[in-house]
C-alpha atoms as a PDB file:
ATOM      1  CA  MET A   1       0.000   0.000   0.000  1.00  0.00           C
ATOM      2  CA  ASP A   2       1.114   3.537  -0.740  1.00  0.00           C
ATOM      3  CA  PRO A   3       2.445   5.409   2.347  1.00  0.00           C
ATOM      4  CA  GLU A   4       0.274   8.470   1.573  1.00  0.00           C
ATOM      5  CA  VAL A   5      -2.871   6.351   1.343  1.00  0.00           C
ATOM      6  CA  SER A   6      -2.094   4.492   4.554  1.00  0.00           C
ATOM      7  CA  ALA A   7      -1.355   7.791   6.342  1.00  0.00           C
ATOM      8  CA  ALA A   8      -4.671   9.233   5.118  1.00  0.00           C
ATOM      9  CA  PHE A   9      -6.472   6.034   6.148  1.00  0.00           C
ATOM     10  CA  GLU A  10      -4.935   6.195   9.638  1.00  0.00           C
ATOM     11  CA  PHE A  11      -5.917   9.869   9.914  1.00  0.00           C
ATOM     12  CA  VAL A  12      -9.521   9.039   8.994  1.00  0.00           C
ATOM     13  CA  LEU A  13      -9.588   6.188  11.520  1.00  0.00           C
ATOM     14  CA  ARG A  14      -8.287   8.511  14.249  1.00  0.00           C
ATOM     15  CA  ILE A  15     -10.695  11.351  13.513  1.00  0.00           C
ATOM     16  CA  LEU A  16     -13.790   9.179  12.817  1.00  0.00           C
ATOM     17  CA  PRO A  17     -14.708   8.566  16.504  1.00  0.00           C
ATOM     18  CA  LEU A  18     -14.419  12.304  17.176  1.00  0.00           C
ATOM     19  CA  VAL A  19     -16.723  13.123  14.255  1.00  0.00           C
ATOM     20  CA  VAL A  20     -19.231  10.482  15.378  1.00  0.00           C
ATOM     21  CA  ALA A  21     -19.180  11.875  18.924  1.00  0.00           C
ATOM     22  CA  ILE A  22     -19.739  15.455  17.705  1.00  0.00           C
ATOM     23  CA  VAL A  23     -22.661  14.368  15.503  1.00  0.00           C
ATOM     24  CA  ALA A  24     -24.194  12.322  18.342  1.00  0.00           C
ATOM     25  CA  ILE A  25     -23.926  15.271  20.751  1.00  0.00           C
ATOM     26  CA  GLY A  26     -25.522  17.582  18.179  1.00  0.00           C
ATOM     27  CA  VAL A  27     -28.432  15.225  17.483  1.00  0.00           C
ATOM     28  CA  GLY A  28     -28.923  14.519  21.188  1.00  0.00           C
ATOM     29  CA  GLY A  29     -28.913  18.239  21.984  1.00  0.00           C
ATOM     30  CA  SER A  30     -31.471  18.912  19.281  1.00  0.00           C
ATOM     31  CA  LEU A  31     -33.716  16.149  20.584  1.00  0.00           C
ATOM     32  CA  MET A  32     -33.389  17.439  24.164  1.00  0.00           C
ATOM     33  CA  HIS A  33     -34.198  20.989  23.015  1.00  0.00           C
ATOM     34  CA  THR A  34     -37.335  19.819  21.196  1.00  0.00           C
ATOM     35  CA  TRP A  35     -38.425  17.686  24.160  1.00  0.00           C
ATOM     36  CA  LEU A  36     -38.018  20.617  26.575  1.00  0.00           C
ATOM     37  CA  LYS A  37     -40.025  22.897  24.280  1.00  0.00           C
ATOM     38  CA  ILE A  38     -42.854  20.372  24.070  1.00  0.00           C
ATOM     39  CA  LYS A  39     -42.759  19.672  27.822  1.00  0.00           C
ATOM     40  CA  ASN A  40     -42.983  23.359  28.733  1.00  0.00           C
ATOM     41  CA  GLY A  41     -45.671  24.225  26.164  1.00  0.00           C
ATOM     42  CA  TYR A  42     -43.645  26.252  23.690  1.00  0.00           C
ATOM     43  CA  PRO A  43     -44.622  25.946  20.033  1.00  0.00           C
ATOM     44  CA  LEU A  44     -42.347  24.055  17.689  1.00  0.00           C
ATOM     45  CA  GLN A  45     -40.827  25.802  14.658  1.00  0.00           C
ATOM     46  CA  ASN A  46     -40.926  24.974  10.975  1.00  0.00           C
ATOM     47  CA  ALA A  47     -37.922  25.112   8.661  1.00  0.00           C
ATOM     48  CA  TRP A  48     -38.140  28.940   8.392  1.00  0.00           C
ATOM     49  CA  GLY A  49     -38.303  29.516  12.128  1.00  0.00           C
ATOM     50  CA  MET A  50     -42.025  30.276  12.219  1.00  0.00           C
ATOM     51  CA  PRO A  51     -43.943  28.816  15.190  1.00  0.00           C
ATOM     52  CA  ILE A  52     -46.187  25.839  14.530  1.00  0.00           C
ATOM     53  CA  HIS A  53     -49.272  25.932  16.731  1.00  0.00           C
ATOM     54  CA  PRO A  54     -51.484  22.887  17.091  1.00  0.00           C
ATOM     55  CA  LYS A  55     -54.739  23.136  15.181  1.00  0.00           C
ATOM     56  CA  SER A  56     -57.928  23.114  17.203  1.00  0.00           C
ATOM     57  CA  ASP A  57     -61.149  22.507  15.383  1.00  0.00           C
ATOM     58  CA  GLN A  58     -64.546  23.493  16.715  1.00  0.00           C
ATOM     59  CA  GLU A  59     -65.448  19.891  17.542  1.00  0.00           C
ATOM     60  CA  ALA A  60     -62.432  19.525  19.841  1.00  0.00           C
ATOM     61  CA  VAL A  61     -63.239  22.820  21.569  1.00  0.00           C
ATOM     62  CA  GLU A  62     -66.830  21.710  22.185  1.00  0.00           C
ATOM     63  CA  ARG A  63     -65.645  18.334  23.462  1.00  0.00           C
ATOM     64  CA  ILE A  64     -63.311  20.051  25.928  1.00  0.00           C
ATOM     65  CA  LYS A  65     -66.145  22.291  27.159  1.00  0.00           C
ATOM     66  CA  LEU A  66     -68.435  19.289  27.663  1.00  0.00           C
ATOM     67  CA  LEU A  67     -65.759  17.318  29.491  1.00  0.00           C
ATOM     68  CA  THR A  68     -64.940  20.295  31.703  1.00  0.00           C
ATOM     69  CA  SER A  69     -68.574  20.778  32.719  1.00  0.00           C
ATOM     70  CA  GLU A  70     -69.008  17.035  33.297  1.00  0.00           C
ATOM     71  CA  ASN A  71     -65.851  17.028  35.425  1.00  0.00           C
ATOM     72  CA  ALA A  72     -67.196  19.863  37.599  1.00  0.00           C
ATOM     73  CA  GLN A  73     -70.521  18.072  37.983  1.00  0.00           C
ATOM     74  CA  LEU A  74     -68.826  14.829  39.001  1.00  0.00           C
ATOM     75  CA  LYS A  75     -66.622  16.641  41.524  1.00  0.00           C
ATOM     76  CA  ALA A  76     -69.713  18.170  43.121  1.00  0.00           C
ATOM     77  CA  GLU A  77     -71.388  14.777  43.249  1.00  0.00           C
ATOM     78  CA  ILE A  78     -68.329  13.206  44.873  1.00  0.00           C
ATOM     79  CA  GLY A  79     -68.340  15.961  47.502  1.00  0.00           C
ATOM     80  CA  SER A  80     -71.969  15.192  48.280  1.00  0.00           C
ATOM     81  CA  ILE A  81     -71.235  11.469  48.525  1.00  0.00           C
ATOM     82  CA  LYS A  82     -68.327  12.166  50.906  1.00  0.00           C
ATOM     83  CA  ASP A  83     -70.628  14.159  53.189  1.00  0.00           C
ATOM     84  CA  ARG A  84     -73.168  11.356  53.229  1.00  0.00           C
ATOM     85  CA  LEU A  85     -70.465   8.780  53.902  1.00  0.00           C
ATOM     86  CA  GLU A  86     -69.183  10.798  56.884  1.00  0.00           C
ATOM     87  CA  THR A  87     -72.703  10.831  58.320  1.00  0.00           C
ATOM     88  CA  VAL A  88     -73.102   7.082  57.833  1.00  0.00           C
ATOM     89  CA  GLU A  89     -69.698   6.408  59.396  1.00  0.00           C
ATOM     90  CA  ARG A  90     -70.586   8.573  62.387  1.00  0.00           C
ATOM     91  CA  ILE A  91     -73.898   6.741  62.840  1.00  0.00           C
ATOM     92  CA  VAL A  92     -72.253   3.330  62.616  1.00  0.00           C
ATOM     93  CA  THR A  93     -69.340   4.097  64.940  1.00  0.00           C
ATOM     94  CA  ASP A  94     -71.255   6.093  67.601  1.00  0.00           C
ATOM     95  CA  GLN A  95     -72.566   4.492  70.739  1.00  0.00           C
ATOM     96  CA  PRO A  96     -76.250   3.523  70.469  1.00  0.00           C
ATOM     97  CA  SER A  97     -77.180   5.628  73.502  1.00  0.00           C
ATOM     98  CA  GLN A  98     -75.567   8.725  72.031  1.00  0.00           C
ATOM     99  CA  LEU A  99     -77.440   8.188  68.770  1.00  0.00           C
ATOM    100  CA  SER A 100     -80.763   7.819  70.551  1.00  0.00           C
ATOM    101  CA  ARG A 101     -80.043  10.998  72.558  1.00  0.00           C
ATOM    102  CA  GLU A 102     -79.358  12.931  69.357  1.00  0.00           C
ATOM    103  CA  ILE A 103     -82.564  11.614  67.760  1.00  0.00           C
ATOM    104  CA  ASP A 104     -84.542  12.596  70.862  1.00  0.00           C
ATOM    105  CA  ALA A 105     -82.961  16.048  70.817  1.00  0.00           C
ATOM    106  CA  LEU A 106     -83.968  16.489  67.192  1.00  0.00           C
ATOM    107  CA  GLN A 107     -87.533  15.434  67.944  1.00  0.00           C
ATOM    108  CA  ILE A 108     -87.763  17.854  70.870  1.00  0.00           C
ATOM    109  CA  THR A 109     -86.515  20.796  68.794  1.00  0.00           C
ATOM    110  CA  ARG A 110     -88.881  19.862  65.980  1.00  0.00           C
ATOM    111  CA  ASN A 111     -91.980  19.943  68.193  1.00  0.00           C
END
Protein backbone atom coordinates (compact mmCIF):
# COMPACT_ATOMS: atom_id res chain seq x y z
CA MET A 1 0.00 0.00 0.00
CA ASP A 2 1.11 3.54 -0.74
CA PRO A 3 2.45 5.41 2.35
CA GLU A 4 0.27 8.47 1.57
CA VAL A 5 -2.87 6.35 1.34
CA SER A 6 -2.09 4.49 4.55
CA ALA A 7 -1.35 7.79 6.34
CA ALA A 8 -4.67 9.23 5.12
CA PHE A 9 -6.47 6.03 6.15
CA GLU A 10 -4.94 6.19 9.64
CA PHE A 11 -5.92 9.87 9.91
CA VAL A 12 -9.52 9.04 8.99
CA LEU A 13 -9.59 6.19 11.52
CA ARG A 14 -8.29 8.51 14.25
CA ILE A 15 -10.70 11.35 13.51
CA LEU A 16 -13.79 9.18 12.82
CA PRO A 17 -14.71 8.57 16.50
CA LEU A 18 -14.42 12.30 17.18
CA VAL A 19 -16.72 13.12 14.26
CA VAL A 20 -19.23 10.48 15.38
CA ALA A 21 -19.18 11.87 18.92
CA ILE A 22 -19.74 15.45 17.71
CA VAL A 23 -22.66 14.37 15.50
CA ALA A 24 -24.19 12.32 18.34
CA ILE A 25 -23.93 15.27 20.75
CA GLY A 26 -25.52 17.58 18.18
CA VAL A 27 -28.43 15.23 17.48
CA GLY A 28 -28.92 14.52 21.19
CA GLY A 29 -28.91 18.24 21.98
CA SER A 30 -31.47 18.91 19.28
CA LEU A 31 -33.72 16.15 20.58
CA MET A 32 -33.39 17.44 24.16
CA HIS A 33 -34.20 20.99 23.02
CA THR A 34 -37.33 19.82 21.20
CA TRP A 35 -38.42 17.69 24.16
CA LEU A 36 -38.02 20.62 26.58
CA LYS A 37 -40.03 22.90 24.28
CA ILE A 38 -42.85 20.37 24.07
CA LYS A 39 -42.76 19.67 27.82
CA ASN A 40 -42.98 23.36 28.73
CA GLY A 41 -45.67 24.22 26.16
CA TYR A 42 -43.64 26.25 23.69
CA PRO A 43 -44.62 25.95 20.03
CA LEU A 44 -42.35 24.06 17.69
CA GLN A 45 -40.83 25.80 14.66
CA ASN A 46 -40.93 24.97 10.97
CA ALA A 47 -37.92 25.11 8.66
CA TRP A 48 -38.14 28.94 8.39
CA GLY A 49 -38.30 29.52 12.13
CA MET A 50 -42.02 30.28 12.22
CA PRO A 51 -43.94 28.82 15.19
CA ILE A 52 -46.19 25.84 14.53
CA HIS A 53 -49.27 25.93 16.73
CA PRO A 54 -51.48 22.89 17.09
CA LYS A 55 -54.74 23.14 15.18
CA SER A 56 -57.93 23.11 17.20
CA ASP A 57 -61.15 22.51 15.38
CA GLN A 58 -64.55 23.49 16.72
CA GLU A 59 -65.45 19.89 17.54
CA ALA A 60 -62.43 19.52 19.84
CA VAL A 61 -63.24 22.82 21.57
CA GLU A 62 -66.83 21.71 22.18
CA ARG A 63 -65.64 18.33 23.46
CA ILE A 64 -63.31 20.05 25.93
CA LYS A 65 -66.15 22.29 27.16
CA LEU A 66 -68.44 19.29 27.66
CA LEU A 67 -65.76 17.32 29.49
CA THR A 68 -64.94 20.30 31.70
CA SER A 69 -68.57 20.78 32.72
CA GLU A 70 -69.01 17.03 33.30
CA ASN A 71 -65.85 17.03 35.43
CA ALA A 72 -67.20 19.86 37.60
CA GLN A 73 -70.52 18.07 37.98
CA LEU A 74 -68.83 14.83 39.00
CA LYS A 75 -66.62 16.64 41.52
CA ALA A 76 -69.71 18.17 43.12
CA GLU A 77 -71.39 14.78 43.25
CA ILE A 78 -68.33 13.21 44.87
CA GLY A 79 -68.34 15.96 47.50
CA SER A 80 -71.97 15.19 48.28
CA ILE A 81 -71.24 11.47 48.53
CA LYS A 82 -68.33 12.17 50.91
CA ASP A 83 -70.63 14.16 53.19
CA ARG A 84 -73.17 11.36 53.23
CA LEU A 85 -70.46 8.78 53.90
CA GLU A 86 -69.18 10.80 56.88
CA THR A 87 -72.70 10.83 58.32
CA VAL A 88 -73.10 7.08 57.83
CA GLU A 89 -69.70 6.41 59.40
CA ARG A 90 -70.59 8.57 62.39
CA ILE A 91 -73.90 6.74 62.84
CA VAL A 92 -72.25 3.33 62.62
CA THR A 93 -69.34 4.10 64.94
CA ASP A 94 -71.26 6.09 67.60
CA GLN A 95 -72.57 4.49 70.74
CA PRO A 96 -76.25 3.52 70.47
CA SER A 97 -77.18 5.63 73.50
CA GLN A 98 -75.57 8.72 72.03
CA LEU A 99 -77.44 8.19 68.77
CA SER A 100 -80.76 7.82 70.55
CA ARG A 101 -80.04 11.00 72.56
CA GLU A 102 -79.36 12.93 69.36
CA ILE A 103 -82.56 11.61 67.76
CA ASP A 104 -84.54 12.60 70.86
CA ALA A 105 -82.96 16.05 70.82
CA LEU A 106 -83.97 16.49 67.19
CA GLN A 107 -87.53 15.43 67.94
CA ILE A 108 -87.76 17.85 70.87
CA THR A 109 -86.52 20.80 68.79
CA ARG A 110 -88.88 19.86 65.98
CA ASN A 111 -91.98 19.94 68.19
